[in-house]
Amino acid sequence: MAGLALIISIIALIFSYLSYRKSGGSIDELKQKVEDLGITTETLRTKTADILNTLEKKVRGEEKRGDFGQQE
């Protein structure tokens, strides 16, 4: 059963590639889109890391002042 699913998925992949080529898409265009997506993802990752870093500094700054969270 798994072999049949694999064969069907490979056939679907071939059909999608042929449809993409028929609609005017090229390999170079597809590679450029993937690279652009990688750049966008990297930018998003960097911004998320900066926001989390800022949030961490705010939370840890409050802990250092002893406003809350002290347990003895």
PDB file of N, CA and C in Angstrom:
ATOM      1  N   MET A   1       0.818  -1.184   0.000  1.00  0.00           N
ATOM      2  CA  MET A   1       0.000   0.000   0.000  1.00  0.00           C
ATOM      3  C   MET A   1       0.867   1.255   0.000  1.00  0.00           C
ATOM      4  N   ALA A   2       1.961   1.227   0.779  1.00  0.00           N
ATOM      5  CA  ALA A   2       2.856   2.375   0.832  1.00  0.00           C
ATOM      6  C   ALA A   2       3.543   2.580  -0.517  1.00  0.00           C
ATOM      7  N   GLY A   3       3.838   1.490  -1.200  1.00  0.00           N
ATOM      8  CA  GLY A   3       4.458   1.584  -2.520  1.00  0.00           C
ATOM      9  C   GLY A   3       3.540   2.251  -3.525  1.00  0.00           C
ATOM     10  N   LEU A   4       2.268   1.947  -3.452  1.00  0.00           N
ATOM     11  CA  LEU A   4       1.285   2.565  -4.336  1.00  0.00           C
ATOM     12  C   LEU A   4       1.172   4.062  -4.050  1.00  0.00           C
ATOM     13  N   ALA A   5       1.188   4.425  -2.773  1.00  0.00           N
ATOM     14  CA  ALA A   5       1.133   5.842  -2.402  1.00  0.00           C
ATOM     15  C   ALA A   5       2.369   6.583  -2.915  1.00  0.00           C
ATOM     16  N   LEU A   6       3.519   5.944  -2.865  1.00  0.00           N
ATOM     17  CA  LEU A   6       4.748   6.553  -3.366  1.00  0.00           C
ATOM     18  C   LEU A   6       4.670   6.773  -4.872  1.00  0.00           C
ATOM     19  N   ILE A   7       4.206   5.786  -5.591  1.00  0.00           N
ATOM     20  CA  ILE A   7       4.086   5.903  -7.054  1.00  0.00           C
ATOM     21  C   ILE A   7       3.106   7.011  -7.428  1.00  0.00           C
ATOM     22  N   ILE A   8       1.970   7.085  -6.748  1.00  0.00           N
ATOM     23  CA  ILE A   8       0.984   8.135  -7.022  1.00  0.00           C
ATOM     24  C   ILE A   8       1.561   9.512  -6.724  1.00  0.00           C
ATOM     25  N   SER A   9       2.304   9.655  -5.638  1.00  0.00           N
ATOM     26  CA  SER A   9       2.884  10.956  -5.298  1.00  0.00           C
ATOM     27  C   SER A   9       3.949  11.371  -6.309  1.00  0.00           C
ATOM     28  N   ILE A  10       4.726  10.432  -6.819  1.00  0.00           N
ATOM     29  CA  ILE A  10       5.734  10.745  -7.845  1.00  0.00           C
ATOM     30  C   ILE A  10       5.048  11.172  -9.135  1.00  0.00           C
ATOM     31  N   ILE A  11       3.983  10.499  -9.511  1.00  0.00           N
ATOM     32  CA  ILE A  11       3.234  10.881 -10.712  1.00  0.00           C
ATOM     33  C   ILE A  11       2.634  12.275 -10.539  1.00  0.00           C
ATOM     34  N   ALA A  12       2.103  12.579  -9.366  1.00  0.00           N
ATOM     35  CA  ALA A  12       1.540  13.902  -9.097  1.00  0.00           C
ATOM     36  C   ALA A  12       2.620  14.972  -9.174  1.00  0.00           C
ATOM     37  N   LEU A  13       3.809  14.661  -8.680  1.00  0.00           N
ATOM     38  CA  LEU A  13       4.918  15.601  -8.747  1.00  0.00           C
ATOM     39  C   LEU A  13       5.318  15.876 -10.195  1.00  0.00           C
ATOM     40  N   ILE A  14       5.353  14.853 -11.011  1.00  0.00           N
ATOM     41  CA  ILE A  14       5.685  15.014 -12.436  1.00  0.00           C
ATOM     42  C   ILE A  14       4.633  15.867 -13.129  1.00  0.00           C
ATOM     43  N   PHE A  15       3.348  15.597 -12.856  1.00  0.00           N
ATOM     44  CA  PHE A  15       2.279  16.397 -13.462  1.00  0.00           C
ATOM     45  C   PHE A  15       2.357  17.861 -13.030  1.00  0.00           C
ATOM     46  N   SER A  16       2.664  18.111 -11.775  1.00  0.00           N
ATOM     47  CA  SER A  16       2.755  19.503 -11.315  1.00  0.00           C
ATOM     48  C   SER A  16       3.923  20.217 -11.977  1.00  0.00           C
ATOM     49  N   TYR A  17       5.043  19.528 -12.156  1.00  0.00           N
ATOM     50  CA  TYR A  17       6.188  20.133 -12.838  1.00  0.00           C
ATOM     51  C   TYR A  17       5.853  20.429 -14.299  1.00  0.00           C
ATOM     52  N   LEU A  18       5.207  19.489 -14.976  1.00  0.00           N
ATOM     53  CA  LEU A  18       4.833  19.711 -16.376  1.00  0.00           C
ATOM     54  C   LEU A  18       3.845  20.861 -16.511  1.00  0.00           C
ATOM     55  N   SER A  19       2.914  20.974 -15.597  1.00  0.00           N
ATOM     56  CA  SER A  19       1.954  22.077 -15.626  1.00  0.00           C
ATOM     57  C   SER A  19       2.658  23.409 -15.401  1.00  0.00           C
ATOM     58  N   TYR A  20       3.602  23.413 -14.489  1.00  0.00           N
ATOM     59  CA  TYR A  20       4.363  24.641 -14.217  1.00  0.00           C
ATOM     60  C   TYR A  20       5.138  25.071 -15.455  1.00  0.00           C
ATOM     61  N   ARG A  21       5.791  24.127 -16.114  1.00  0.00           N
ATOM     62  CA  ARG A  21       6.550  24.430 -17.334  1.00  0.00           C
ATOM     63  C   ARG A  21       5.632  24.913 -18.446  1.00  0.00           C
ATOM     64  N   LYS A  22       4.461  24.296 -18.589  1.00  0.00           N
ATOM     65  CA  LYS A  22       3.522  24.668 -19.643  1.00  0.00           C
ATOM     66  C   LYS A  22       2.974  26.073 -19.420  1.00  0.00           C
ATOM     67  N   SER A  23       2.827  26.489 -18.179  1.00  0.00           N
ATOM     68  CA  SER A  23       2.291  27.819 -17.885  1.00  0.00           C
ATOM     69  C   SER A  23       3.332  28.918 -18.049  1.00  0.00           C
ATOM     70  N   GLY A  24       4.546  28.564 -18.417  1.00  0.00           N
ATOM     71  CA  GLY A  24       5.571  29.566 -18.694  1.00  0.00           C
ATOM     72  C   GLY A  24       6.633  29.688 -17.627  1.00  0.00           C
ATOM     73  N   GLY A  25       6.586  28.846 -16.627  1.00  0.00           N
ATOM     74  CA  GLY A  25       7.587  28.901 -15.569  1.00  0.00           C
ATOM     75  C   GLY A  25       8.898  28.292 -16.023  1.00  0.00           C
ATOM     76  N   SER A  26       9.969  28.805 -15.483  1.00  0.00           N
ATOM     77  CA  SER A  26      11.283  28.256 -15.813  1.00  0.00           C
ATOM     78  C   SER A  26      11.996  27.854 -14.526  1.00  0.00           C
ATOM     79  N   ILE A  27      12.997  27.054 -14.684  1.00  0.00           N
ATOM     80  CA  ILE A  27      13.772  26.599 -13.528  1.00  0.00           C
ATOM     81  C   ILE A  27      14.471  27.784 -12.859  1.00  0.00           C
ATOM     82  N   ASP A  28      15.003  28.696 -13.652  1.00  0.00           N
ATOM     83  CA  ASP A  28      15.695  29.858 -13.093  1.00  0.00           C
ATOM     84  C   ASP A  28      14.739  30.715 -12.269  1.00  0.00           C
ATOM     85  N   GLU A  29      13.512  30.889 -12.783  1.00  0.00           N
ATOM     86  CA  GLU A  29      12.506  31.666 -12.058  1.00  0.00           C
ATOM     87  C   GLU A  29      12.159  30.986 -10.737  1.00  0.00           C
ATOM     88  N   LEU A  30      12.011  29.687 -10.771  1.00  0.00           N
ATOM     89  CA  LEU A  30      11.691  28.925  -9.567  1.00  0.00           C
ATOM     90  C   LEU A  30      12.830  29.018  -8.551  1.00  0.00           C
ATOM     91  N   LYS A  31      14.073  28.918  -9.013  1.00  0.00           N
ATOM     92  CA  LYS A  31      15.218  29.038  -8.107  1.00  0.00           C
ATOM     93  C   LYS A  31      15.257  30.415  -7.465  1.00  0.00           C
ATOM     94  N   GLN A  32      14.943  31.465  -8.251  1.00  0.00           N
ATOM     95  CA  GLN A  32      14.943  32.831  -7.725  1.00  0.00           C
ATOM     96  C   GLN A  32      13.873  32.989  -6.649  1.00  0.00           C
ATOM     97  N   LYS A  33      12.701  32.404  -6.869  1.00  0.00           N
ATOM     98  CA  LYS A  33      11.631  32.489  -5.875  1.00  0.00           C
ATOM     99  C   LYS A  33      12.026  31.788  -4.582  1.00  0.00           C
ATOM    100  N   VAL A  34      12.694  30.654  -4.700  1.00  0.00           N
ATOM    101  CA  VAL A  34      13.139  29.928  -3.508  1.00  0.00           C
ATOM    102  C   VAL A  34      14.186  30.741  -2.758  1.00  0.00           C
ATOM    103  N   GLU A  35      15.103  31.377  -3.477  1.00  0.00           N
ATOM    104  CA  GLU A  35      16.115  32.209  -2.824  1.00  0.00           C
ATOM    105  C   GLU A  35      15.479  33.413  -2.144  1.00  0.00           C
ATOM    106  N   ASP A  36      14.492  34.037  -2.796  1.00  0.00           N
ATOM    107  CA  ASP A  36      13.797  35.170  -2.187  1.00  0.00           C
ATOM    108  C   ASP A  36      13.068  34.749  -0.918  1.00  0.00           C
ATOM    109  N   LEU A  37      12.477  33.577  -0.954  1.00  0.00           N
ATOM    110  CA  LEU A  37      11.793  33.065   0.219  1.00  0.00           C
ATOM    111  C   LEU A  37      12.790  32.825   1.351  1.00  0.00           C
ATOM    112  N   GLY A  38      13.979  32.336   1.011  1.00  0.00           N
ATOM    113  CA  GLY A  38      15.017  32.123   2.020  1.00  0.00           C
ATOM    114  C   GLY A  38      15.448  33.422   2.660  1.00  0.00           C
ATOM    115  N   ILE A  39      15.574  34.481   1.860  1.00  0.00           N
ATOM    116  CA  ILE A  39      15.954  35.796   2.385  1.00  0.00           C
ATOM    117  C   ILE A  39      14.852  36.322   3.300  1.00  0.00           C
ATOM    118  N   THR A  40      13.598  36.176   2.868  1.00  0.00           N
ATOM    119  CA  THR A  40      12.471  36.622   3.678  1.00  0.00           C
ATOM    120  C   THR A  40      12.425  35.861   4.997  1.00  0.00           C
ATOM    121  N   THR A  41      12.643  34.574   4.951  1.00  0.00           N
ATOM    122  CA  THR A  41      12.630  33.752   6.154  1.00  0.00           C
ATOM    123  C   THR A  41      13.761  34.158   7.092  1.00  0.00           C
ATOM    124  N   GLU A  42      14.928  34.439   6.541  1.00  0.00           N
ATOM    125  CA  GLU A  42      16.064  34.859   7.364  1.00  0.00           C
ATOM    126  C   GLU A  42      15.778  36.201   8.034  1.00  0.00           C
ATOM    127  N   THR A  43      15.167  37.130   7.312  1.00  0.00           N
ATOM    128  CA  THR A  43      14.810  38.423   7.878  1.00  0.00           C
ATOM    129  C   THR A  43      13.805  38.248   9.014  1.00  0.00           C
ATOM    130  N   LEU A  44      12.805  37.415   8.792  1.00  0.00           N
ATOM    131  CA  LEU A  44      11.801  37.146   9.815  1.00  0.00           C
ATOM    132  C   LEU A  44      12.438  36.499  11.038  1.00  0.00           C
ATOM    133  N   ARG A  45      13.365  35.575  10.828  1.00  0.00           N
ATOM    134  CA  ARG A  45      14.041  34.915  11.944  1.00  0.00           C
ATOM    135  C   ARG A  45      14.853  35.923  12.760  1.00  0.00           C
ATOM    136  N   THR A  46      15.538  36.827  12.065  1.00  0.00           N
ATOM    137  CA  THR A  46      16.343  37.836  12.744  1.00  0.00           C
ATOM    138  C   THR A  46      15.471  38.782  13.570  1.00  0.00           C
ATOM    139  N   LYS A  47      14.370  39.241  12.994  1.00  0.00           N
ATOM    140  CA  LYS A  47      13.470  40.134  13.725  1.00  0.00           C
ATOM    141  C   LYS A  47      12.866  39.448  14.939  1.00  0.00           C
ATOM    142  N   THR A  48      12.480  38.183  14.786  1.00  0.00           N
ATOM    143  CA  THR A  48      11.930  37.436  15.910  1.00  0.00           C
ATOM    144  C   THR A  48      12.965  37.276  17.015  1.00  0.00           C
ATOM    145  N   ALA A  49      14.201  36.995  16.648  1.00  0.00           N
ATOM    146  CA  ALA A  49      15.270  36.855  17.639  1.00  0.00           C
ATOM    147  C   ALA A  49      15.505  38.171  18.369  1.00  0.00           C
ATOM    148  N   ASP A  50      15.470  39.294  17.657  1.00  0.00           N
ATOM    149  CA  ASP A  50      15.652  40.600  18.287  1.00  0.00           C
ATOM    150  C   ASP A  50      14.528  40.904  19.279  1.00  0.00           C
ATOM    151  N   ILE A  51      13.293  40.593  18.877  1.00  0.00           N
ATOM    152  CA  ILE A  51      12.157  40.835  19.762  1.00  0.00           C
ATOM    153  C   ILE A  51      12.253  39.971  21.012  1.00  0.00           C
ATOM    154  N   LEU A  52      12.601  38.696  20.838  1.00  0.00           N
ATOM    155  CA  LEU A  52      12.739  37.809  21.990  1.00  0.00           C
ATOM    156  C   LEU A  52      13.885  38.243  22.901  1.00  0.00           C
ATOM    157  N   ASN A  53      14.947  38.749  22.324  1.00  0.00           N
ATOM    158  CA  ASN A  53      16.072  39.248  23.112  1.00  0.00           C
ATOM    159  C   ASN A  53      15.642  40.454  23.948  1.00  0.00           C
ATOM    160  N   THR A  54      14.899  41.365  23.342  1.00  0.00           N
ATOM    161  CA  THR A  54      14.403  42.537  24.053  1.00  0.00           C
ATOM    162  C   THR A  54      13.467  42.119  25.182  1.00  0.00           C
ATOM    163  N   LEU A  55      12.578  41.173  24.901  1.00  0.00           N
ATOM    164  CA  LEU A  55      11.651  40.682  25.911  1.00  0.00           C
ATOM    165  C   LEU A  55      12.404  40.019  27.059  1.00  0.00           C
ATOM    166  N   GLU A  56      13.424  39.251  26.732  1.00  0.00           N
ATOM    167  CA  GLU A  56      14.220  38.598  27.771  1.00  0.00           C
ATOM    168  C   GLU A  56      14.894  39.632  28.672  1.00  0.00           C
ATOM    169  N   LYS A  57      15.440  40.681  28.083  1.00  0.00           N
ATOM    170  CA  LYS A  57      16.103  41.723  28.874  1.00  0.00           C
ATOM    171  C   LYS A  57      15.109  42.401  29.810  1.00  0.00           C
ATOM    172  N   LYS A  58      13.884  42.637  29.323  1.00  0.00           N
ATOM    173  CA  LYS A  58      12.875  43.279  30.173  1.00  0.00           C
ATOM    174  C   LYS A  58      12.477  42.370  31.331  1.00  0.00           C
ATOM    175  N   VAL A  59      12.280  41.086  31.053  1.00  0.00           N
ATOM    176  CA  VAL A  59      11.872  40.160  32.102  1.00  0.00           C
ATOM    177  C   VAL A  59      12.997  39.961  33.106  1.00  0.00           C
ATOM    178  N   ARG A  60      14.190  39.738  32.638  1.00  0.00           N
ATOM    179  CA  ARG A  60      15.311  39.521  33.555  1.00  0.00           C
ATOM    180  C   ARG A  60      15.666  40.794  34.314  1.00  0.00           C
ATOM    181  N   GLY A  61      15.434  41.941  33.714  1.00  0.00           N
ATOM    182  CA  GLY A  61      15.673  43.206  34.417  1.00  0.00           C
ATOM    183  C   GLY A  61      14.756  43.336  35.608  1.00  0.00           C
ATOM    184  N   GLU A  62      13.505  42.915  35.461  1.00  0.00           N
ATOM    185  CA  GLU A  62      12.560  42.958  36.568  1.00  0.00           C
ATOM    186  C   GLU A  62      12.959  41.960  37.652  1.00  0.00           C
ATOM    187  N   GLU A  63      13.496  40.817  37.272  1.00  0.00           N
ATOM    188  CA  GLU A  63      13.922  39.823  38.252  1.00  0.00           C
ATOM    189  C   GLU A  63      15.092  40.350  39.075  1.00  0.00           C
ATOM    190  N   LYS A  64      15.995  41.076  38.439  1.00  0.00           N
ATOM    191  CA  LYS A  64      17.164  41.595  39.156  1.00  0.00           C
ATOM    192  C   LYS A  64      16.759  42.618  40.212  1.00  0.00           C
ATOM    193  N   ARG A  65      15.720  43.421  39.940  1.00  0.00           N
ATOM    194  CA  ARG A  65      15.267  44.414  40.897  1.00  0.00           C
ATOM    195  C   ARG A  65      14.553  43.774  42.085  1.00  0.00           C
ATOM    196  N   GLY A  66      14.129  42.530  41.930  1.00  0.00           N
ATOM    197  CA  GLY A  66      13.480  41.839  43.029  1.00  0.00           C
ATOM    198  C   GLY A  66      12.019  42.207  43.178  1.00  0.00           C
ATOM    199  N   ASP A  67      11.377  42.647  42.115  1.00  0.00           N
ATOM    200  CA  ASP A  67       9.970  43.035  42.191  1.00  0.00           C
ATOM    201  C   ASP A  67       9.074  41.841  42.493  1.00  0.00           C
ATOM    202  N   PHE A  68       9.417  40.686  41.977  1.00  0.00           N
ATOM    203  CA  PHE A  68       8.585  39.507  42.183  1.00  0.00           C
ATOM    204  C   PHE A  68       9.444  38.268  41.994  1.00  0.00           C
ATOM    205  N   GLY A  69       8.880  37.134  42.410  1.00  0.00           N
ATOM    206  CA  GLY A  69       9.522  35.868  42.122  1.00  0.00           C
ATOM    207  C   GLY A  69      10.533  35.401  43.148  1.00  0.00           C
ATOM    208  N   GLN A  70      10.685  36.118  44.260  1.00  0.00           N
ATOM    209  CA  GLN A  70      11.642  35.658  45.259  1.00  0.00           C
ATOM    210  C   GLN A  70      10.960  34.638  46.161  1.00  0.00           C
ATOM    211  N   GLN A  71      11.562  33.497  46.231  1.00  0.00           N
ATOM    212  CA  GLN A  71      11.020  32.444  47.078  1.00  0.00           C
ATOM    213  C   GLN A  71      12.107  31.963  48.016  1.00  0.00           C
ATOM    214  N   GLU A  72      11.755  31.892  49.287  1.00  0.00           N
ATOM    215  CA  GLU A  72      12.757  31.423  50.250  1.00  0.00           C
ATOM    216  C   GLU A  72      12.195  30.329  51.106  1.00  0.00           C
TER     217      GLU A  72
END
